[in-house]
Amino acid sequence: MLTKRVIACLDVRGGRVVKGIQFVDIVDAGDPAELAHRHAAAGADEIVLLDITATHEGRGTLIDTVRRTAEKLFVPFTVGGGIRSAEDAEAVFTAGADKVSINSSAIARPELIGEIGSSFGAQAVIVAIDARRGPNGVSDAEVYVSGGRKPTGRNVVEWAREAEQRGAGEILLTSMDTDGMRNGFDCELTRAVSEAVQIPVIASGGAGSAAHFAEVFKLGKADAALAASIFHFGVTDSRALKAEVAAAGVAMRLPC
């Protein structure tokens, strides 16, 4: 049986980790290298670093921040933000990342998914989807880009299917409606995407407790779930969280 993964996310702006609610009301959470090391040591299966203003500011990823963070890690490390070409991806891999996450650039030029995958392998390409429910709920949930600032008119489930067909190895699905609220993941949206694709789906947005992780694994059929604020601000750590989720009947990779 495949175990579920718990991932700690670092949203980085100006070289610092920040966290907001529904993509606004941003507060400082600390240094990315220090937080990454702390979360990995506390049992996180993977670390994701997202340079959340790179696309909006029209610049590349903060490579020095990536390199400094990678030096502190011993678990898989994903980096996203400002990656617009296979060359950009190569620079991030050279700096120490194991995977890249692409969002706005994949919508703008979907062939980028295959270009990165053909050079570095599909397992190294995550397509991130920032999603907001539509008037009819999950059925017309829409993809947003530029750090959640711009609607695209693209349907979330349809885009997830296309991303898989173009060679994505995983989907990172963030619910903008639940992000930062700590009231639980959007299990209905996550399930819709999980059932539409064959590749792993990482649920993001809304984690507040171990029970929320158990719900999104069971009801949302997520392969992994990601959190930020509950780890950054000491609500829990991955080791304790995974033990609780395992006790709820979910197969987890428990740290020693």
Protein backbone atom coordinates (compact mmCIF):
# COMPACT_ATOMS: atom_id res chain seq x y z
CA MET A 1 0.00 0.00 0.00
CA LEU A 2 1.35 3.43 -0.94
CA THR A 3 1.71 5.73 2.05
CA LYS A 4 0.36 9.26 2.03
CA ARG A 5 2.78 12.18 2.18
CA VAL A 6 2.81 15.26 4.39
CA ILE A 7 4.46 18.28 2.78
CA ALA A 8 5.54 21.55 4.41
CA CYS A 9 5.18 24.61 2.19
CA LEU A 10 7.29 27.76 2.25
CA ASP A 11 5.68 30.73 0.48
CA VAL A 12 8.59 33.13 -0.09
CA ARG A 13 8.47 36.85 -0.82
CA GLY A 14 11.60 38.99 -0.80
CA GLY A 15 13.66 36.12 0.56
CA ARG A 16 11.40 35.58 3.61
CA VAL A 17 8.69 32.99 4.28
CA VAL A 18 5.27 34.61 4.52
CA LYS A 19 1.74 33.36 5.07
CA GLY A 20 -1.63 34.89 4.33
CA ILE A 21 -5.33 34.12 4.34
CA GLN A 22 -6.95 33.49 0.95
CA PHE A 23 -3.78 34.88 -0.71
CA VAL A 24 -3.96 38.24 1.17
CA ASP A 25 -3.23 39.60 4.70
CA ILE A 26 0.41 38.48 4.46
CA VAL A 27 2.55 38.15 7.60
CA ASP A 28 6.21 37.19 8.04
CA ALA A 29 6.93 33.61 9.16
CA GLY A 30 10.72 33.39 9.09
CA ASP A 31 13.84 32.42 7.16
CA PRO A 32 13.25 29.77 4.44
CA ALA A 33 16.42 27.75 5.06
CA GLU A 34 15.84 27.63 8.81
CA LEU A 35 12.16 26.71 8.48
CA ALA A 36 12.85 24.08 5.81
CA HIS A 37 15.42 22.37 8.02
CA ARG A 38 13.12 22.52 11.04
CA HIS A 39 10.15 21.05 9.18
CA ALA A 40 12.21 18.27 7.60
CA ALA A 41 13.75 17.36 10.95
CA ALA A 42 10.24 17.27 12.43
CA GLY A 43 9.14 14.59 9.95
CA ALA A 44 7.89 16.32 6.79
CA ASP A 45 8.17 13.97 3.81
CA GLU A 46 8.91 16.81 1.39
CA ILE A 47 9.43 20.58 1.31
CA VAL A 48 7.90 22.92 -1.29
CA LEU A 49 9.25 26.45 -1.74
CA LEU A 50 7.10 28.81 -3.80
CA ASP A 51 8.46 32.22 -4.81
CA ILE A 52 4.98 33.75 -4.77
CA THR A 53 5.76 37.13 -6.37
CA ALA A 54 8.23 36.08 -9.10
CA THR A 55 5.59 35.89 -11.84
CA HIS A 56 3.77 39.05 -10.75
CA GLU A 57 7.07 40.94 -10.62
CA GLY A 58 8.24 39.53 -13.95
CA ARG A 59 11.47 38.06 -12.61
CA GLY A 60 13.12 34.69 -12.17
CA THR A 61 13.23 32.51 -9.10
CA LEU A 62 15.42 33.60 -6.18
CA ILE A 63 18.23 31.13 -6.91
CA ASP A 64 20.35 32.10 -3.90
CA THR A 65 17.41 31.38 -1.62
CA VAL A 66 16.87 28.02 -3.32
CA ARG A 67 20.53 27.08 -2.98
CA ARG A 68 20.73 28.11 0.67
CA THR A 69 17.57 26.17 1.49
CA ALA A 70 18.60 23.05 -0.44
CA GLU A 71 21.85 22.88 1.53
CA LYS A 72 19.82 22.37 4.71
CA LEU A 73 17.61 19.56 3.39
CA PHE A 74 17.68 15.77 3.29
CA VAL A 75 14.14 15.25 1.92
CA PRO A 76 12.75 15.89 -1.60
CA PHE A 77 12.64 19.60 -2.40
CA THR A 78 10.29 21.28 -4.88
CA VAL A 79 10.66 24.88 -6.09
CA GLY A 80 8.14 27.02 -7.97
CA GLY A 81 7.72 30.62 -9.07
CA GLY A 82 9.21 32.40 -12.07
CA ILE A 83 10.06 29.24 -14.03
CA ARG A 84 9.23 30.03 -17.65
CA SER A 85 11.55 27.71 -19.62
CA ALA A 86 13.49 24.47 -19.44
CA GLU A 87 16.58 26.64 -18.87
CA ASP A 88 14.95 28.26 -15.84
CA ALA A 89 14.12 24.78 -14.54
CA GLU A 90 17.72 23.66 -15.07
CA ALA A 91 18.98 26.57 -12.98
CA VAL A 92 16.65 25.59 -10.15
CA PHE A 93 17.71 21.93 -10.35
CA THR A 94 21.36 22.99 -10.35
CA ALA A 95 20.69 25.01 -7.20
CA GLY A 96 19.50 21.86 -5.45
CA ALA A 97 15.81 21.29 -6.22
CA ASP A 98 14.50 17.79 -6.95
CA LYS A 99 11.28 18.96 -8.64
CA VAL A 100 9.90 22.16 -10.11
CA SER A 101 6.39 23.52 -9.86
CA ILE A 102 4.97 25.55 -12.73
CA ASN A 103 1.69 27.44 -12.73
CA SER A 104 1.22 30.67 -14.69
CA SER A 105 3.86 29.70 -17.24
CA ALA A 106 2.16 26.37 -17.92
CA ILE A 107 -1.15 28.11 -18.62
CA ALA A 108 0.57 30.65 -20.89
CA ARG A 109 2.52 27.97 -22.77
CA PRO A 110 1.31 24.42 -21.99
CA GLU A 111 4.06 22.82 -24.07
CA LEU A 112 6.49 23.89 -21.32
CA ILE A 113 5.29 20.90 -19.28
CA GLY A 114 6.59 18.46 -21.88
CA GLU A 115 9.77 20.44 -22.50
CA ILE A 116 10.81 20.22 -18.87
CA GLY A 117 9.66 16.62 -18.60
CA SER A 118 11.59 15.49 -21.65
CA SER A 119 14.81 16.93 -20.21
CA PHE A 120 14.44 16.04 -16.54
CA GLY A 121 11.69 13.40 -16.35
CA ALA A 122 7.95 13.67 -15.68
CA GLN A 123 8.53 12.90 -12.01
CA ALA A 124 10.30 16.25 -11.70
CA VAL A 125 7.43 18.35 -13.10
CA ILE A 126 4.57 19.46 -10.86
CA VAL A 127 1.78 21.56 -12.34
CA ALA A 128 0.35 23.84 -9.65
CA ILE A 129 -3.28 24.87 -9.94
CA ASP A 130 -4.70 27.74 -7.89
CA ALA A 131 -8.44 27.14 -7.95
CA ARG A 132 -11.50 29.13 -6.94
CA ARG A 133 -15.00 27.66 -6.99
CA GLY A 134 -17.44 29.13 -9.49
CA PRO A 135 -21.12 30.07 -9.06
CA ASN A 136 -22.05 26.39 -9.38
CA GLY A 137 -19.34 25.19 -7.04
CA VAL A 138 -16.78 22.56 -7.99
CA SER A 139 -18.19 21.89 -11.45
CA ASP A 140 -17.10 25.28 -12.74
CA ALA A 141 -14.11 25.92 -10.48
CA GLU A 142 -11.71 28.26 -12.28
CA VAL A 143 -7.92 28.35 -12.57
CA TYR A 144 -6.18 31.53 -11.37
CA VAL A 145 -2.61 32.63 -12.09
CA SER A 146 -0.11 35.32 -11.02
CA GLY A 147 -0.30 34.34 -7.36
CA GLY A 148 -4.08 34.12 -7.46
CA ARG A 149 -4.49 37.59 -8.94
CA LYS A 150 -5.80 36.75 -12.41
CA PRO A 151 -8.65 34.45 -13.49
CA THR A 152 -7.95 32.47 -16.65
CA GLY A 153 -11.36 31.19 -17.69
CA ARG A 154 -9.93 27.66 -17.59
CA ASN A 155 -11.88 24.90 -15.84
CA VAL A 156 -9.84 23.28 -13.06
CA VAL A 157 -10.65 19.64 -13.81
CA GLU A 158 -10.19 20.07 -17.56
CA TRP A 159 -6.83 21.79 -17.05
CA ALA A 160 -5.66 19.04 -14.67
CA ARG A 161 -6.45 16.44 -17.34
CA GLU A 162 -4.59 18.41 -19.99
CA ALA A 163 -1.58 18.89 -17.71
CA GLU A 164 -1.39 15.13 -17.20
CA GLN A 165 -1.65 14.49 -20.94
CA ARG A 166 1.18 16.95 -21.55
CA GLY A 167 3.48 15.12 -19.16
CA ALA A 168 2.99 16.47 -15.64
CA GLY A 169 4.13 14.07 -12.93
CA GLU A 170 1.96 15.53 -10.18
CA ILE A 171 -0.75 18.14 -9.60
CA LEU A 172 -0.46 20.63 -6.71
CA LEU A 173 -4.04 21.79 -6.15
CA THR A 174 -4.58 24.84 -3.95
CA SER A 175 -8.10 25.90 -3.01
CA MET A 176 -8.12 29.69 -2.85
CA ASP A 177 -11.44 29.53 -1.00
CA THR A 178 -9.98 27.62 1.95
CA ASP A 179 -6.36 28.85 1.89
CA GLY A 180 -5.13 29.96 5.31
CA MET A 181 -8.51 29.49 6.97
CA ARG A 182 -7.53 26.34 8.93
CA ASN A 183 -11.07 24.99 8.52
CA GLY A 184 -10.09 22.02 6.38
CA PHE A 185 -9.16 21.25 2.79
CA ASP A 186 -11.70 21.44 -0.02
CA CYS A 187 -12.24 17.69 -0.16
CA GLU A 188 -14.91 17.88 -2.86
CA LEU A 189 -12.66 19.82 -5.24
CA THR A 190 -9.68 17.60 -4.44
CA ARG A 191 -11.70 14.47 -5.09
CA ALA A 192 -12.94 15.82 -8.44
CA VAL A 193 -9.37 16.37 -9.61
CA SER A 194 -8.04 13.14 -8.10
CA GLU A 195 -10.69 11.11 -9.91
CA ALA A 196 -10.01 12.91 -13.20
CA VAL A 197 -6.28 12.07 -13.40
CA GLN A 198 -3.99 9.09 -12.84
CA ILE A 199 -1.05 11.07 -11.46
CA PRO A 200 -0.66 12.01 -7.77
CA VAL A 201 -2.62 15.00 -6.49
CA ILE A 202 -1.28 17.15 -3.64
CA ALA A 203 -4.03 18.93 -1.69
CA SER A 204 -3.31 22.45 -0.45
CA GLY A 205 -5.25 25.18 1.33
CA GLY A 206 -7.07 25.03 4.64
CA ALA A 207 -5.12 22.65 6.86
CA GLY A 208 -5.79 23.23 10.54
CA SER A 209 -5.52 19.83 12.20
CA ALA A 210 -4.60 16.18 11.73
CA ALA A 211 -8.30 15.44 11.21
CA HIS A 212 -8.27 17.66 8.12
CA PHE A 213 -5.41 15.62 6.65
CA ALA A 214 -7.26 12.36 7.33
CA GLU A 215 -10.36 13.79 5.64
CA VAL A 216 -8.57 14.88 2.48
CA PHE A 217 -6.78 11.53 2.21
CA LYS A 218 -9.98 9.54 2.70
CA LEU A 219 -12.69 11.74 1.19
CA GLY A 220 -10.61 13.83 -1.21
CA LYS A 221 -8.50 10.88 -2.42
CA ALA A 222 -5.37 13.04 -2.24
CA ASP A 223 -2.00 11.33 -2.49
CA ALA A 224 -0.31 14.04 -0.43
CA ALA A 225 -1.37 17.08 1.53
CA LEU A 226 0.47 20.33 2.10
CA ALA A 227 0.37 22.83 4.93
CA ALA A 228 2.16 26.00 5.91
CA SER A 229 0.87 28.04 8.83
CA ILE A 230 0.17 25.15 11.22
CA PHE A 231 3.84 24.16 10.91
CA HIS A 232 5.35 27.65 10.80
CA PHE A 233 3.48 28.93 13.85
CA GLY A 234 3.83 25.87 16.06
CA VAL A 235 0.29 24.48 15.96
CA THR A 236 1.78 21.04 15.33
CA ASP A 237 4.68 19.36 13.53
CA SER A 238 4.74 16.62 10.92
CA ARG A 239 5.77 13.87 13.33
CA ALA A 240 2.82 14.44 15.67
CA LEU A 241 0.41 15.06 12.81
CA LYS A 242 1.37 11.87 10.96
CA ALA A 243 0.92 9.79 14.11
CA GLU A 244 -2.61 11.15 14.52
CA VAL A 245 -3.49 10.57 10.87
CA ALA A 246 -2.13 7.01 11.06
CA ALA A 247 -4.26 6.41 14.16
CA ALA A 248 -7.27 7.44 12.06
CA GLY A 249 -6.56 4.55 9.69
CA VAL A 250 -4.51 6.21 6.95
CA ALA A 251 -1.25 4.59 5.81
CA MET A 252 1.52 7.04 6.60
CA ARG A 253 5.31 7.01 6.41
CA LEU A 254 6.09 7.48 10.09
CA PRO A 255 9.44 9.08 11.00
CA CYS A 256 11.80 7.27 13.35
